[in-house]
Protein backbone atom coordinates (compact mmCIF):
# COMPACT_ATOMS: atom_id res chain seq x y z
CA MET A 1 -74.26 2.47 -10.14
CA PRO A 2 -71.88 0.91 -12.64
CA ILE A 3 -68.29 2.16 -12.59
CA LYS A 4 -66.14 1.31 -15.58
CA GLN A 5 -63.06 2.17 -17.59
CA LEU A 6 -63.64 4.36 -20.64
CA ASP A 7 -61.91 4.56 -23.99
CA HIS A 8 -60.42 7.88 -25.08
CA GLY A 9 -62.38 9.65 -27.82
CA THR A 10 -65.71 7.85 -27.22
CA LYS A 11 -69.11 9.37 -26.43
CA GLU A 12 -68.54 8.43 -22.76
CA TYR A 13 -65.14 10.13 -22.79
CA ASN A 14 -66.76 13.28 -24.18
CA GLN A 15 -69.23 13.19 -21.28
CA MET A 16 -66.25 12.90 -18.94
CA VAL A 17 -64.59 15.99 -20.44
CA GLU A 18 -67.88 17.94 -20.17
CA LEU A 19 -68.34 16.98 -16.50
CA ARG A 20 -64.73 17.85 -15.60
CA ASN A 21 -65.03 21.14 -17.44
CA GLU A 22 -68.29 22.00 -15.65
CA ILE A 23 -67.11 21.04 -12.13
CA LEU A 24 -63.35 21.69 -12.18
CA ARG A 25 -62.50 24.25 -14.88
CA LYS A 26 -65.38 26.66 -15.59
CA PRO A 27 -65.64 27.83 -11.95
CA LEU A 28 -61.99 28.91 -12.23
CA GLY A 29 -62.48 30.57 -15.61
CA LEU A 30 -60.37 27.88 -17.30
CA ALA A 31 -60.85 25.41 -20.16
CA PHE A 32 -59.07 22.34 -21.49
CA ALA A 33 -56.47 22.70 -24.23
CA PRO A 34 -56.64 20.11 -27.06
CA LYS A 35 -53.03 19.03 -26.31
CA GLU A 36 -53.97 18.38 -22.67
CA LEU A 37 -56.86 16.12 -23.70
CA ALA A 38 -54.75 14.33 -26.33
CA ARG A 39 -52.27 13.29 -23.61
CA GLU A 40 -55.07 11.42 -21.83
CA LYS A 41 -54.95 8.64 -24.43
CA GLU A 42 -52.39 6.92 -22.19
CA ASP A 43 -54.41 7.36 -18.98
CA ILE A 44 -56.80 5.01 -17.22
CA LEU A 45 -60.16 6.78 -17.61
CA ILE A 46 -62.90 5.95 -15.08
CA GLY A 47 -66.58 6.91 -15.05
CA ALA A 48 -69.56 6.24 -12.76
CA PHE A 49 -72.92 6.02 -14.49
CA GLU A 50 -76.64 5.84 -13.94
CA GLU A 51 -77.91 4.37 -17.19
CA ASP A 52 -76.21 6.55 -19.84
CA LYS A 53 -75.68 9.57 -17.59
CA MET A 54 -72.23 10.18 -16.08
CA LEU A 55 -72.39 10.86 -12.35
CA GLY A 56 -68.67 11.17 -11.69
CA CYS A 57 -65.24 10.51 -13.15
CA CYS A 58 -61.52 10.47 -12.50
CA LEU A 59 -58.37 9.37 -14.27
CA LEU A 60 -55.07 7.74 -13.42
CA THR A 61 -51.83 8.86 -15.07
CA LYS A 62 -48.72 6.68 -14.90
CA VAL A 63 -45.87 8.31 -12.96
CA ASP A 64 -43.52 5.31 -13.07
CA ASN A 65 -43.78 1.51 -12.89
CA GLU A 66 -44.90 1.59 -9.26
CA CYS A 67 -46.96 4.78 -9.03
CA VAL A 68 -49.98 6.41 -10.67
CA ARG A 69 -51.38 9.88 -10.11
CA LEU A 70 -55.09 10.41 -9.54
CA ARG A 71 -56.31 13.42 -11.50
CA GLN A 72 -59.50 15.24 -12.37
CA MET A 73 -61.85 13.67 -9.80
CA ALA A 74 -65.30 15.17 -10.39
CA VAL A 75 -68.82 14.31 -9.20
CA GLN A 76 -71.92 16.19 -10.28
CA ASN A 77 -72.57 19.00 -7.79
CA ASN A 78 -76.03 17.78 -6.75
CA LEU A 79 -74.66 14.27 -6.06
CA GLN A 80 -71.60 15.08 -3.96
CA GLY A 81 -71.59 13.47 -0.52
CA LYS A 82 -73.60 10.43 -1.66
CA GLY A 83 -70.72 7.92 -1.88
CA ILE A 84 -70.04 8.20 -5.62
CA GLY A 85 -66.54 9.61 -5.13
CA ALA A 86 -65.64 6.99 -2.52
CA SER A 87 -66.90 4.19 -4.80
CA MET A 88 -64.85 5.56 -7.71
CA MET A 89 -61.76 5.80 -5.49
CA ASN A 90 -62.18 2.17 -4.44
CA TYR A 91 -62.53 1.17 -8.10
CA ALA A 92 -59.49 3.26 -9.11
CA GLU A 93 -57.39 1.72 -6.34
CA ASN A 94 -58.37 -1.80 -7.45
CA VAL A 95 -57.57 -1.03 -11.09
CA ALA A 96 -54.19 0.44 -10.10
CA ARG A 97 -53.39 -2.52 -7.83
CA ASP A 98 -54.41 -5.02 -10.55
CA ALA A 99 -52.11 -3.19 -12.99
CA GLY A 100 -49.19 -3.70 -10.57
CA TYR A 101 -48.97 -0.19 -9.11
CA LYS A 102 -47.95 0.12 -5.45
CA LYS A 103 -48.94 3.73 -4.77
CA ILE A 104 -51.40 6.45 -5.80
CA ILE A 105 -50.42 10.10 -5.46
CA MET A 106 -52.44 13.23 -6.17
CA HIS A 107 -52.45 16.98 -6.10
CA ALA A 108 -55.61 17.29 -4.00
CA ARG A 109 -57.52 20.53 -3.85
CA LYS A 110 -57.11 21.78 -0.29
CA THR A 111 -60.89 21.77 0.11
CA ALA A 112 -61.00 18.02 -0.68
CA THR A 113 -58.24 16.79 1.65
CA GLY A 114 -60.77 15.69 4.30
CA PHE A 115 -62.48 13.42 1.75
CA TYR A 116 -59.20 11.76 0.75
CA ASP A 117 -58.03 11.52 4.39
CA LYS A 118 -61.11 9.41 5.21
CA LEU A 119 -60.07 7.04 2.42
CA GLY A 120 -56.59 6.54 3.88
CA TYR A 121 -54.60 9.14 1.91
CA LYS A 122 -51.88 11.02 3.77
CA ILE A 123 -50.53 14.52 3.18
CA THR A 124 -46.93 14.25 2.00
CA GLY A 125 -46.11 17.78 0.89
CA LYS A 126 -46.59 21.46 1.59
CA GLU A 127 -49.50 23.48 0.25
CA PHE A 128 -48.95 24.98 -3.21
CA GLU A 129 -50.99 26.76 -5.86
CA GLU A 130 -52.07 24.95 -9.03
CA LEU A 131 -54.63 26.24 -11.53
CA THR A 132 -55.12 29.30 -9.31
CA ILE A 133 -56.19 27.38 -6.15
CA PRO A 134 -54.46 25.75 -3.13
CA HIS A 135 -53.49 22.07 -3.50
CA ILE A 136 -51.69 19.56 -1.29
CA ILE A 137 -49.82 16.41 -2.36
CA MET A 138 -51.39 13.28 -0.87
CA GLU A 139 -50.60 9.61 -1.35
CA LYS A 140 -51.68 6.12 -0.39
CA LYS A 141 -49.76 2.87 -0.57
CA LEU A 142 -51.78 0.10 -2.18
CA ARG A 143 -51.72 -3.25 -0.39
């Protein structure tokens, strides 16, 4: 399963937007705004593939010179629990470390905190609501 960085505006990026919309937004009755997607030009975009089909994706947004924020982690529903998310997280951490970042933070959906905990992420904030559902701030120092 190849995992790679994507370029904004490409066919692969469009697949990424479709997958995120299907998994993360539609179930909440939400959609992406064009301005929101335009801001992703500066992000590190990551996708996991089987041939030309996207299995999962995530992105990293710069917070400051030492920290990036993991956002929009999505894996196809029928493939969750098969190691795709963990492999993407490992890849994302390596990319962030190679770029000189020392920490990854995220607003994790409360339902996903167990997944991130297994990967070494720690809860660093109180529960709050974002996009209509409970989230918790988590972070991991990169070594």
